[in-house]
Amino acid sequence: MRANHKAPVIGESLYLWAGSQVGLPAVHDSLQKRELTSRVDVYQLSTADWSSHLTRGTPPLGVTGYSCTTSHSNIYYFGGGCGHDDCYHNTLNVLNTIKMEWTSCSNAKQSLMKKCRAGMISLEFNGAEYLVIIGGFGSTPTVYHPQFQYDQLSDGDVRTNEQLLYNVSTGQFTVPSVSGQCCPPTSSFIIEKITTTGNRGVIFGGRVTVNGDESTPTNSVYIFSVTHSIINWEILKPGAIPNEGLWPMERDSHASAIINVRSVESMTLVLMYIDDRLVIVSVFSR
């Protein structure tokens, strides 16, 4: 049994790692914790079989609420909670699913905010592959970037709409500029890649602060596009797309799946399954 984890899919395999689990030591680090987090459970979709695999290398310590995305045969993990108290991480690690081996990706962690419940996707544009990390909450940052917002929460944590780009080839983090109507400080939202356009993504829902209420769920939908130095934002509001007046309820800590459908009118419909409802979130011309 586990919670506060992700379930990335590569090919016909679904991978489960860490999360809140029975027997997970509530400590920063220990041999028992490393032994537990060195195992990855794999579900083969084609055969409906489970298997458990012992990994090589050193697994990250951010075991709950981490951000996760896939690229080719790799799974990237960023940040996460330590599993005890209010301890957060800011490391970026990759699991090579062919070798089942962990590798640390960056040494720039001193300048990165330690956080969990953020969103991360991989995008390819201009011949390069980037990881895009957005939002989340965690420890007071050592560096505040003026183009972003940082909400101080009553428990001492900070929620943010901070955005980071990681160039996979160079191993370097950069802090982009933003344009358009950016999302507010948000955590526990879903983020998906709009694969038909290469450098675009969508986020829905999450937890924000409204009129002093720090645990307010939202049903906002944001579309963003990314270059090597700028992230441009657009908010979609009820009535902006034809949906017969329907709009998802406010929610956070949920799940989704995205489907790109090419219609006969040479349009692309971007659909998201949000819990048990199918939602059209955008329409693009070819």
C-alpha atoms as a PDB file:
ATOM      1  CA  MET A   1       0.000   0.000   0.000  1.00  0.00           C
ATOM      2  CA  ARG A   2       1.224   3.477  -0.817  1.00  0.00           C
ATOM      3  CA  ALA A   3       0.115   7.068  -1.360  1.00  0.00           C
ATOM      4  CA  ASN A   4       1.640  10.404  -2.407  1.00  0.00           C
ATOM      5  CA  HIS A   5       3.480   8.750  -5.303  1.00  0.00           C
ATOM      6  CA  LYS A   6       3.468   8.801  -9.125  1.00  0.00           C
ATOM      7  CA  ALA A   7       2.895   6.070 -11.712  1.00  0.00           C
ATOM      8  CA  PRO A   8       4.892   6.952 -14.867  1.00  0.00           C
ATOM      9  CA  VAL A   9       4.486   4.753 -17.950  1.00  0.00           C
ATOM     10  CA  ILE A  10       7.235   3.888 -20.452  1.00  0.00           C
ATOM     11  CA  GLY A  11       6.158   1.679 -23.343  1.00  0.00           C
ATOM     12  CA  GLU A  12       4.069  -1.152 -21.909  1.00  0.00           C
ATOM     13  CA  SER A  13       5.415  -0.800 -18.367  1.00  0.00           C
ATOM     14  CA  LEU A  14       4.083   1.198 -15.414  1.00  0.00           C
ATOM     15  CA  TYR A  15       6.595   2.086 -12.696  1.00  0.00           C
ATOM     16  CA  LEU A  16       5.864   2.657  -9.000  1.00  0.00           C
ATOM     17  CA  TRP A  17       8.481   4.046  -6.664  1.00  0.00           C
ATOM     18  CA  ALA A  18       8.431   5.239  -3.050  1.00  0.00           C
ATOM     19  CA  GLY A  19       5.478   7.259  -1.721  1.00  0.00           C
ATOM     20  CA  SER A  20       4.032   6.979   1.757  1.00  0.00           C
ATOM     21  CA  GLN A  21       4.323   3.295   2.596  1.00  0.00           C
ATOM     22  CA  VAL A  22       3.854   0.989   5.526  1.00  0.00           C
ATOM     23  CA  GLY A  23       7.259   0.548   7.131  1.00  0.00           C
ATOM     24  CA  LEU A  24       8.840   3.673   5.641  1.00  0.00           C
ATOM     25  CA  PRO A  25      11.099   5.049   8.409  1.00  0.00           C
ATOM     26  CA  ALA A  26      10.152   8.600   9.420  1.00  0.00           C
ATOM     27  CA  VAL A  27      13.786   9.730   9.274  1.00  0.00           C
ATOM     28  CA  HIS A  28      15.886  11.850   6.967  1.00  0.00           C
ATOM     29  CA  ASP A  29      18.099   8.953   5.919  1.00  0.00           C
ATOM     30  CA  SER A  30      18.852   5.438   7.075  1.00  0.00           C
ATOM     31  CA  LEU A  31      19.943   2.077   5.724  1.00  0.00           C
ATOM     32  CA  GLN A  32      16.374   0.768   6.118  1.00  0.00           C
ATOM     33  CA  LYS A  33      14.983   3.726   4.175  1.00  0.00           C
ATOM     34  CA  ARG A  34      17.532   3.233   1.376  1.00  0.00           C
ATOM     35  CA  GLU A  35      16.724  -0.469   1.163  1.00  0.00           C
ATOM     36  CA  LEU A  36      13.011   0.253   0.824  1.00  0.00           C
ATOM     37  CA  THR A  37      13.446   3.008  -1.776  1.00  0.00           C
ATOM     38  CA  SER A  38      15.955   0.988  -3.816  1.00  0.00           C
ATOM     39  CA  ARG A  39      13.100  -1.201  -5.047  1.00  0.00           C
ATOM     40  CA  VAL A  40      10.829  -0.290  -7.955  1.00  0.00           C
ATOM     41  CA  ASP A  41       7.597  -2.146  -8.704  1.00  0.00           C
ATOM     42  CA  VAL A  42       6.776  -2.629 -12.386  1.00  0.00           C
ATOM     43  CA  TYR A  43       3.405  -3.525 -13.894  1.00  0.00           C
ATOM     44  CA  GLN A  44       3.417  -4.952 -17.428  1.00  0.00           C
ATOM     45  CA  LEU A  45       0.288  -3.655 -19.120  1.00  0.00           C
ATOM     46  CA  SER A  46       0.334  -6.313 -21.846  1.00  0.00           C
ATOM     47  CA  THR A  47       0.476  -9.278 -19.449  1.00  0.00           C
ATOM     48  CA  ALA A  48      -1.063  -7.792 -16.265  1.00  0.00           C
ATOM     49  CA  ASP A  49       1.940  -9.014 -14.258  1.00  0.00           C
ATOM     50  CA  TRP A  50       3.707  -7.283 -11.365  1.00  0.00           C
ATOM     51  CA  SER A  51       7.426  -7.579 -10.652  1.00  0.00           C
ATOM     52  CA  SER A  52       9.781  -5.992  -8.136  1.00  0.00           C
ATOM     53  CA  HIS A  53      13.234  -4.759  -9.177  1.00  0.00           C
ATOM     54  CA  LEU A  54      16.259  -3.823  -7.087  1.00  0.00           C
ATOM     55  CA  THR A  55      17.928  -0.715  -8.477  1.00  0.00           C
ATOM     56  CA  ARG A  56      21.560   0.326  -8.540  1.00  0.00           C
ATOM     57  CA  GLY A  57      22.944   3.692  -7.536  1.00  0.00           C
ATOM     58  CA  THR A  58      21.541   5.926  -4.797  1.00  0.00           C
ATOM     59  CA  PRO A  59      17.796   6.668  -4.818  1.00  0.00           C
ATOM     60  CA  PRO A  60      16.738  10.218  -3.859  1.00  0.00           C
ATOM     61  CA  LEU A  61      15.482  11.061  -0.375  1.00  0.00           C
ATOM     62  CA  GLY A  62      12.397  12.982  -1.584  1.00  0.00           C
ATOM     63  CA  VAL A  63      10.009  10.053  -1.362  1.00  0.00           C
ATOM     64  CA  THR A  64       6.556  11.686  -1.099  1.00  0.00           C
ATOM     65  CA  GLY A  65       4.904  14.323  -3.259  1.00  0.00           C
ATOM     66  CA  TYR A  66       7.818  14.373  -5.695  1.00  0.00           C
ATOM     67  CA  SER A  67       7.564  15.645  -9.276  1.00  0.00           C
ATOM     68  CA  CYS A  68       8.017  13.088 -12.031  1.00  0.00           C
ATOM     69  CA  THR A  69       8.206  12.872 -15.828  1.00  0.00           C
ATOM     70  CA  THR A  70       9.510  10.479 -18.479  1.00  0.00           C
ATOM     71  CA  SER A  71      11.807  10.833 -21.461  1.00  0.00           C
ATOM     72  CA  HIS A  72      12.635   7.877 -23.690  1.00  0.00           C
ATOM     73  CA  SER A  73      13.717   5.123 -21.244  1.00  0.00           C
ATOM     74  CA  ASN A  74      14.380   7.526 -18.357  1.00  0.00           C
ATOM     75  CA  ILE A  75      12.214   8.657 -15.443  1.00  0.00           C
ATOM     76  CA  TYR A  76      13.129  11.994 -13.853  1.00  0.00           C
ATOM     77  CA  TYR A  77      12.320  12.782 -10.219  1.00  0.00           C
ATOM     78  CA  PHE A  78      12.551  16.222  -8.621  1.00  0.00           C
ATOM     79  CA  GLY A  79      12.182  17.349  -5.014  1.00  0.00           C
ATOM     80  CA  GLY A  80       9.633  15.714  -2.755  1.00  0.00           C
ATOM     81  CA  GLY A  81       9.057  15.359   0.954  1.00  0.00           C
ATOM     82  CA  CYS A  82      11.458  13.406   3.124  1.00  0.00           C
ATOM     83  CA  GLY A  83       8.756  11.455   4.934  1.00  0.00           C
ATOM     84  CA  HIS A  84       9.370  13.116   8.305  1.00  0.00           C
ATOM     85  CA  ASP A  85       8.421  16.531   9.707  1.00  0.00           C
ATOM     86  CA  ASP A  86       8.591  19.421   7.188  1.00  0.00           C
ATOM     87  CA  CYS A  87      11.717  18.267   5.382  1.00  0.00           C
ATOM     88  CA  TYR A  88      11.814  18.864   1.626  1.00  0.00           C
ATOM     89  CA  HIS A  89      14.335  18.225  -1.141  1.00  0.00           C
ATOM     90  CA  ASN A  90      15.496  19.966  -4.315  1.00  0.00           C
ATOM     91  CA  THR A  91      17.526  17.278  -6.042  1.00  0.00           C
ATOM     92  CA  LEU A  92      16.942  16.129  -9.610  1.00  0.00           C
ATOM     93  CA  ASN A  93      17.563  12.436 -10.210  1.00  0.00           C
ATOM     94  CA  VAL A  94      16.991  10.088 -13.123  1.00  0.00           C
ATOM     95  CA  LEU A  95      16.198   6.388 -13.138  1.00  0.00           C
ATOM     96  CA  ASN A  96      17.412   4.570 -16.249  1.00  0.00           C
ATOM     97  CA  THR A  97      14.763   1.869 -16.659  1.00  0.00           C
ATOM     98  CA  ILE A  98      16.966  -0.268 -18.904  1.00  0.00           C
ATOM     99  CA  LYS A  99      19.837  -0.481 -16.429  1.00  0.00           C
ATOM    100  CA  MET A 100      17.548   0.157 -13.418  1.00  0.00           C
ATOM    101  CA  GLU A 101      20.163   2.589 -12.156  1.00  0.00           C
ATOM    102  CA  TRP A 102      19.870   5.971 -10.387  1.00  0.00           C
ATOM    103  CA  THR A 103      21.954   9.011 -11.357  1.00  0.00           C
ATOM    104  CA  SER A 104      22.041  12.515  -9.857  1.00  0.00           C
ATOM    105  CA  CYS A 105      21.522  15.132 -12.586  1.00  0.00           C
ATOM    106  CA  SER A 106      22.553  18.497 -11.166  1.00  0.00           C
ATOM    107  CA  ASN A 107      24.835  20.139  -8.633  1.00  0.00           C
ATOM    108  CA  ALA A 108      22.885  23.435  -8.589  1.00  0.00           C
ATOM    109  CA  LYS A 109      20.675  22.394  -5.688  1.00  0.00           C
ATOM    110  CA  GLN A 110      21.921  25.102  -3.297  1.00  0.00           C
ATOM    111  CA  SER A 111      20.094  27.775  -5.306  1.00  0.00           C
ATOM    112  CA  LEU A 112      16.906  25.749  -5.890  1.00  0.00           C
ATOM    113  CA  MET A 113      13.886  25.915  -3.611  1.00  0.00           C
ATOM    114  CA  LYS A 114      13.291  22.718  -1.633  1.00  0.00           C
ATOM    115  CA  LYS A 115       9.701  21.693  -2.315  1.00  0.00           C
ATOM    116  CA  CYS A 116       7.097  19.070  -3.121  1.00  0.00           C
ATOM    117  CA  ARG A 117       3.698  18.945  -4.867  1.00  0.00           C
ATOM    118  CA  ALA A 118       5.127  20.752  -7.911  1.00  0.00           C
ATOM    119  CA  GLY A 119       4.572  19.815 -11.566  1.00  0.00           C
ATOM    120  CA  MET A 120       7.174  18.643 -14.069  1.00  0.00           C
ATOM    121  CA  ILE A 121       7.045  17.659 -17.754  1.00  0.00           C
ATOM    122  CA  SER A 122       9.635  17.100 -20.476  1.00  0.00           C
ATOM    123  CA  LEU A 123       9.459  19.112 -23.713  1.00  0.00           C
ATOM    124  CA  GLU A 124      11.550  19.145 -26.880  1.00  0.00           C
ATOM    125  CA  PHE A 125      12.037  22.294 -28.956  1.00  0.00           C
ATOM    126  CA  ASN A 126      14.797  23.982 -30.937  1.00  0.00           C
ATOM    127  CA  GLY A 127      16.577  20.636 -31.128  1.00  0.00           C
ATOM    128  CA  ALA A 128      16.972  20.358 -27.349  1.00  0.00           C
ATOM    129  CA  GLU A 129      15.153  18.568 -24.552  1.00  0.00           C
ATOM    130  CA  TYR A 130      14.092  20.452 -21.434  1.00  0.00           C
ATOM    131  CA  LEU A 131      12.430  19.624 -18.156  1.00  0.00           C
ATOM    132  CA  VAL A 132       9.909  22.238 -17.032  1.00  0.00           C
ATOM    133  CA  ILE A 133       9.249  22.492 -13.270  1.00  0.00           C
ATOM    134  CA  ILE A 134       6.351  24.658 -12.036  1.00  0.00           C
ATOM    135  CA  GLY A 135       4.941  25.614  -8.642  1.00  0.00           C
ATOM    136  CA  GLY A 136       4.742  23.548  -5.461  1.00  0.00           C
ATOM    137  CA  PHE A 137       5.332  24.313  -1.787  1.00  0.00           C
ATOM    138  CA  GLY A 138       8.210  23.798   0.586  1.00  0.00           C
ATOM    139  CA  SER A 139      10.912  25.478   2.632  1.00  0.00           C
ATOM    140  CA  THR A 140      11.667  29.192   2.550  1.00  0.00           C
ATOM    141  CA  PRO A 141      13.794  29.641  -0.597  1.00  0.00           C
ATOM    142  CA  THR A 142      17.349  30.930  -0.445  1.00  0.00           C
ATOM    143  CA  VAL A 143      16.767  32.869  -3.681  1.00  0.00           C
ATOM    144  CA  TYR A 144      13.628  34.843  -4.544  1.00  0.00           C
ATOM    145  CA  HIS A 145      13.045  35.563  -8.228  1.00  0.00           C
ATOM    146  CA  PRO A 146      11.120  38.814  -8.827  1.00  0.00           C
ATOM    147  CA  GLN A 147       9.045  37.464 -11.729  1.00  0.00           C
ATOM    148  CA  PHE A 148       7.409  34.867  -9.442  1.00  0.00           C
ATOM    149  CA  GLN A 149       5.250  34.923  -6.300  1.00  0.00           C
ATOM    150  CA  TYR A 150       5.908  33.276  -2.946  1.00  0.00           C
ATOM    151  CA  ASP A 151       2.987  32.884  -0.500  1.00  0.00           C
ATOM    152  CA  GLN A 152       4.015  32.454   3.141  1.00  0.00           C
ATOM    153  CA  LEU A 153       1.752  29.813   4.727  1.00  0.00           C
ATOM    154  CA  SER A 154       0.804  29.681   8.401  1.00  0.00           C
ATOM    155  CA  ASP A 155       2.733  26.453   9.010  1.00  0.00           C
ATOM    156  CA  GLY A 156       5.975  28.065   7.839  1.00  0.00           C
ATOM    157  CA  ASP A 157       5.957  26.583   4.348  1.00  0.00           C
ATOM    158  CA  VAL A 158       6.003  28.678   1.181  1.00  0.00           C
ATOM    159  CA  ARG A 159       3.780  28.087  -1.865  1.00  0.00           C
ATOM    160  CA  THR A 160       5.030  29.423  -5.189  1.00  0.00           C
ATOM    161  CA  ASN A 161       4.483  29.689  -8.922  1.00  0.00           C
ATOM    162  CA  GLU A 162       8.246  29.591  -9.503  1.00  0.00           C
ATOM    163  CA  GLN A 163       9.300  28.059 -12.829  1.00  0.00           C
ATOM    164  CA  LEU A 164      12.552  26.350 -13.768  1.00  0.00           C
ATOM    165  CA  LEU A 165      13.982  24.966 -17.000  1.00  0.00           C
ATOM    166  CA  TYR A 166      16.526  22.156 -17.027  1.00  0.00           C
ATOM    167  CA  ASN A 167      18.494  21.488 -20.221  1.00  0.00           C
ATOM    168  CA  VAL A 168      18.956  17.726 -20.322  1.00  0.00           C
ATOM    169  CA  SER A 169      21.978  17.911 -22.650  1.00  0.00           C
ATOM    170  CA  THR A 170      23.948  20.537 -20.704  1.00  0.00           C
ATOM    171  CA  GLY A 171      22.733  19.631 -17.211  1.00  0.00           C
ATOM    172  CA  GLN A 172      22.031  23.288 -16.445  1.00  0.00           C
ATOM    173  CA  PHE A 173      19.087  24.938 -14.701  1.00  0.00           C
ATOM    174  CA  THR A 174      17.840  28.320 -15.907  1.00  0.00           C
ATOM    175  CA  VAL A 175      15.144  30.622 -14.558  1.00  0.00           C
ATOM    176  CA  PRO A 176      12.923  31.861 -17.423  1.00  0.00           C
ATOM    177  CA  SER A 177      11.030  35.095 -17.851  1.00  0.00           C
ATOM    178  CA  VAL A 178       7.231  34.888 -17.914  1.00  0.00           C
ATOM    179  CA  SER A 179       4.595  36.561 -20.066  1.00  0.00           C
ATOM    180  CA  GLY A 180       0.825  36.444 -20.273  1.00  0.00           C
ATOM    181  CA  GLN A 181      -1.497  35.549 -17.392  1.00  0.00           C
ATOM    182  CA  CYS A 182       0.570  33.220 -15.247  1.00  0.00           C
ATOM    183  CA  CYS A 183      -0.913  30.850 -12.684  1.00  0.00           C
ATOM    184  CA  PRO A 184      -0.769  32.036  -9.043  1.00  0.00           C
ATOM    185  CA  PRO A 185       1.258  30.135  -6.415  1.00  0.00           C
ATOM    186  CA  THR A 186      -0.201  26.639  -6.781  1.00  0.00           C
ATOM    187  CA  SER A 187       0.504  23.136  -5.484  1.00  0.00           C
ATOM    188  CA  SER A 188      -1.031  19.670  -5.927  1.00  0.00           C
ATOM    189  CA  PHE A 189      -2.225  20.343  -9.493  1.00  0.00           C
ATOM    190  CA  ILE A 190      -2.021  18.147 -12.590  1.00  0.00           C
ATOM    191  CA  ILE A 191       0.268  19.000 -15.485  1.00  0.00           C
ATOM    192  CA  GLU A 192       0.276  17.400 -18.932  1.00  0.00           C
ATOM    193  CA  LYS A 193       2.208  17.821 -22.161  1.00  0.00           C
ATOM    194  CA  ILE A 194       0.295  18.774 -25.315  1.00  0.00           C
ATOM    195  CA  THR A 195       2.326  16.545 -27.609  1.00  0.00           C
ATOM    196  CA  THR A 196       0.982  17.859 -30.911  1.00  0.00           C
ATOM    197  CA  THR A 197       2.707  21.203 -30.456  1.00  0.00           C
ATOM    198  CA  GLY A 198       6.097  20.186 -29.060  1.00  0.00           C
ATOM    199  CA  ASN A 199       6.616  22.941 -26.531  1.00  0.00           C
ATOM    200  CA  ARG A 200       3.202  23.393 -24.911  1.00  0.00           C
ATOM    201  CA  GLY A 201       1.589  22.118 -21.754  1.00  0.00           C
ATOM    202  CA  VAL A 202      -1.571  22.451 -19.678  1.00  0.00           C
ATOM    203  CA  ILE A 203      -2.235  22.532 -15.937  1.00  0.00           C
ATOM    204  CA  PHE A 204      -5.547  22.120 -14.142  1.00  0.00           C
ATOM    205  CA  GLY A 205      -6.696  22.609 -10.571  1.00  0.00           C
ATOM    206  CA  GLY A 206      -4.525  22.509  -7.495  1.00  0.00           C
ATOM    207  CA  ARG A 207      -4.448  24.287  -4.168  1.00  0.00           C
ATOM    208  CA  VAL A 208      -4.099  28.079  -3.903  1.00  0.00           C
ATOM    209  CA  THR A 209      -4.589  30.839  -1.326  1.00  0.00           C
ATOM    210  CA  VAL A 210      -7.820  32.858  -1.654  1.00  0.00           C
ATOM    211  CA  ASN A 211      -8.838  35.588   0.826  1.00  0.00           C
ATOM    212  CA  GLY A 212      -6.546  34.129   3.451  1.00  0.00           C
ATOM    213  CA  ASP A 213      -7.736  30.517   2.978  1.00  0.00           C
ATOM    214  CA  GLU A 214      -4.530  28.616   2.282  1.00  0.00           C
ATOM    215  CA  SER A 215      -6.238  25.353   1.277  1.00  0.00           C
ATOM    216  CA  THR A 216      -8.557  26.533  -1.482  1.00  0.00           C
ATOM    217  CA  PRO A 217      -8.968  24.110  -4.399  1.00  0.00           C
ATOM    218  CA  THR A 218      -9.264  25.648  -7.853  1.00  0.00           C
ATOM    219  CA  ASN A 219     -10.654  24.600 -11.233  1.00  0.00           C
ATOM    220  CA  SER A 220      -8.560  26.963 -13.347  1.00  0.00           C
ATOM    221  CA  VAL A 221      -7.062  25.750 -16.619  1.00  0.00           C
ATOM    222  CA  TYR A 222      -3.811  27.279 -17.887  1.00  0.00           C
ATOM    223  CA  ILE A 223      -2.074  26.671 -21.207  1.00  0.00           C
ATOM    224  CA  PHE A 224       1.627  27.518 -21.427  1.00  0.00           C
ATOM    225  CA  SER A 225       4.271  27.493 -24.152  1.00  0.00           C
ATOM    226  CA  VAL A 226       8.005  27.324 -23.537  1.00  0.00           C
ATOM    227  CA  THR A 227      11.143  28.604 -25.229  1.00  0.00           C
ATOM    228  CA  HIS A 228      14.699  28.427 -23.889  1.00  0.00           C
ATOM    229  CA  SER A 229      14.174  31.687 -21.955  1.00  0.00           C
ATOM    230  CA  ILE A 230      10.434  32.541 -21.781  1.00  0.00           C
ATOM    231  CA  ILE A 231       7.266  30.771 -20.613  1.00  0.00           C
ATOM    232  CA  ASN A 232       4.086  32.327 -22.009  1.00  0.00           C
ATOM    233  CA  TRP A 233       0.803  31.725 -20.161  1.00  0.00           C
ATOM    234  CA  GLU A 234      -2.869  31.813 -21.099  1.00  0.00           C
ATOM    235  CA  ILE A 235      -5.830  31.122 -18.817  1.00  0.00           C
ATOM    236  CA  LEU A 236      -8.924  29.360 -20.161  1.00  0.00           C
ATOM    237  CA  LYS A 237     -12.204  30.326 -18.560  1.00  0.00           C
ATOM    238  CA  PRO A 238     -15.679  28.751 -18.696  1.00  0.00           C
ATOM    239  CA  GLY A 239     -17.248  29.782 -21.981  1.00  0.00           C
ATOM    240  CA  ALA A 240     -13.920  30.065 -23.811  1.00  0.00           C
ATOM    241  CA  ILE A 241     -14.478  26.663 -25.431  1.00  0.00           C
ATOM    242  CA  PRO A 242     -17.703  24.885 -26.479  1.00  0.00           C
ATOM    243  CA  ASN A 243     -18.630  22.577 -23.607  1.00  0.00           C
ATOM    244  CA  GLU A 244     -22.382  23.065 -23.159  1.00  0.00           C
ATOM    245  CA  GLY A 245     -21.809  25.043 -19.985  1.00  0.00           C
ATOM    246  CA  LEU A 246     -19.977  22.196 -18.237  1.00  0.00           C
ATOM    247  CA  TRP A 247     -16.797  22.837 -16.276  1.00  0.00           C
ATOM    248  CA  PRO A 248     -14.930  20.591 -13.805  1.00  0.00           C
ATOM    249  CA  MET A 249     -15.351  21.157 -10.085  1.00  0.00           C
ATOM    250  CA  GLU A 250     -12.552  22.636  -8.008  1.00  0.00           C
ATOM    251  CA  ARG A 251     -10.097  19.967  -6.858  1.00  0.00           C
ATOM    252  CA  ASP A 252      -6.515  19.209  -5.927  1.00  0.00           C
ATOM    253  CA  SER A 253      -4.301  16.155  -5.440  1.00  0.00           C
ATOM    254  CA  HIS A 254      -6.086  14.433  -8.338  1.00  0.00           C
ATOM    255  CA  ALA A 255      -5.029  12.627 -11.507  1.00  0.00           C
ATOM    256  CA  SER A 256      -5.521  13.038 -15.241  1.00  0.00           C
ATOM    257  CA  ALA A 257      -4.617  11.656 -18.650  1.00  0.00           C
ATOM    258  CA  ILE A 258      -4.405  13.622 -21.886  1.00  0.00           C
ATOM    259  CA  ILE A 259      -5.524  12.567 -25.375  1.00  0.00           C
ATOM    260  CA  ASN A 260      -4.820  14.442 -28.607  1.00  0.00           C
ATOM    261  CA  VAL A 261      -7.525  13.851 -31.236  1.00  0.00           C
ATOM    262  CA  ARG A 262      -7.131  14.988 -34.857  1.00  0.00           C
ATOM    263  CA  SER A 263     -10.557  15.827 -36.271  1.00  0.00           C
ATOM    264  CA  VAL A 264     -11.707  15.875 -39.889  1.00  0.00           C
ATOM    265  CA  GLU A 265     -11.704  19.678 -39.857  1.00  0.00           C
ATOM    266  CA  SER A 266      -7.908  19.663 -39.383  1.00  0.00           C
ATOM    267  CA  MET A 267      -8.302  20.713 -35.759  1.00  0.00           C
ATOM    268  CA  THR A 268      -6.668  19.155 -32.736  1.00  0.00           C
ATOM    269  CA  LEU A 269      -8.850  18.600 -29.690  1.00  0.00           C
ATOM    270  CA  VAL A 270      -6.932  18.317 -26.446  1.00  0.00           C
ATOM    271  CA  LEU A 271      -8.894  16.149 -24.059  1.00  0.00           C
ATOM    272  CA  MET A 272      -8.165  15.444 -20.417  1.00  0.00           C
ATOM    273  CA  TYR A 273      -9.613  12.765 -18.222  1.00  0.00           C
ATOM    274  CA  ILE A 274      -9.878  14.507 -14.854  1.00  0.00           C
ATOM    275  CA  ASP A 275     -10.911  11.860 -12.354  1.00  0.00           C
ATOM    276  CA  ASP A 276     -14.117  10.451 -13.940  1.00  0.00           C
ATOM    277  CA  ARG A 277     -14.927  13.262 -16.389  1.00  0.00           C
ATOM    278  CA  LEU A 278     -13.739  13.855 -19.941  1.00  0.00           C
ATOM    279  CA  VAL A 279     -12.995  17.528 -20.543  1.00  0.00           C
ATOM    280  CA  ILE A 280     -12.109  19.394 -23.736  1.00  0.00           C
ATOM    281  CA  VAL A 281      -9.509  21.904 -22.584  1.00  0.00           C
ATOM    282  CA  SER A 282      -8.365  23.482 -25.848  1.00  0.00           C
ATOM    283  CA  VAL A 283      -8.651  23.465 -29.634  1.00  0.00           C
ATOM    284  CA  PHE A 284      -5.723  24.123 -31.986  1.00  0.00           C
ATOM    285  CA  SER A 285      -5.667  24.701 -35.738  1.00  0.00           C
ATOM    286  CA  ARG A 286      -3.176  22.711 -37.749  1.00  0.00           C
END
